[in-house]
Amino acid sequence: MNYQDRFALQEKKRIDALDRRDPMSYAKLCDELGVSPEIQDLYEDGEKMLVRARNSRAERLALRTNGRGEDKIVKYASFLEEVAQEAINVDRLSYQPDSKRTFLIKYFPEKFDDNGKQPIRDYDPVDVGVVFRRMVNHANKSVYGRRH
């Protein structure tokens, strides 16, 4: 499916959410598509609901950790957020090896820097990609209870 087809499908979902008066889906799809909302009140209600849902997820995460391992969870969540912001491709193992190596050393120096348990500075691109994907999967499982 090309970009135009995906956009058209998302736009259809957005219009359906508008017709159903589903504020959460409508706001999310408006944001994803970069479209100005036709009904501002519906959009604002959806934005409020999305914020509450994110806060609720954070509260559930805090309850799940119950004070144990919270620092790790925060570190994993920060790692995942920055990886997403930088659009690091997890699935193409040999792609972006320098960026992947930098993230691994930045967030997990005790394991991957030159003095770590598994120094990766001299790993070839595919090996860096394999290690990176494993860490992303582990972080996703730790933070969200699911894998990439």
Foldseek 3Di string as FASTA:
>chain_A
DDPVVVLVVLVVQLVVCVVVLPLQSNLVSCVVNVHDDPDVVSNVVNVVVVVVVVVVLVVVQCVVCVPPCPVVLVLLVVLLVVCVVVVPDLPPQLPPLVVLLVSCCVSPVCDAPPNHVHDCPPPHRNVSSVVSQVSQQVSCCSHPVGGD
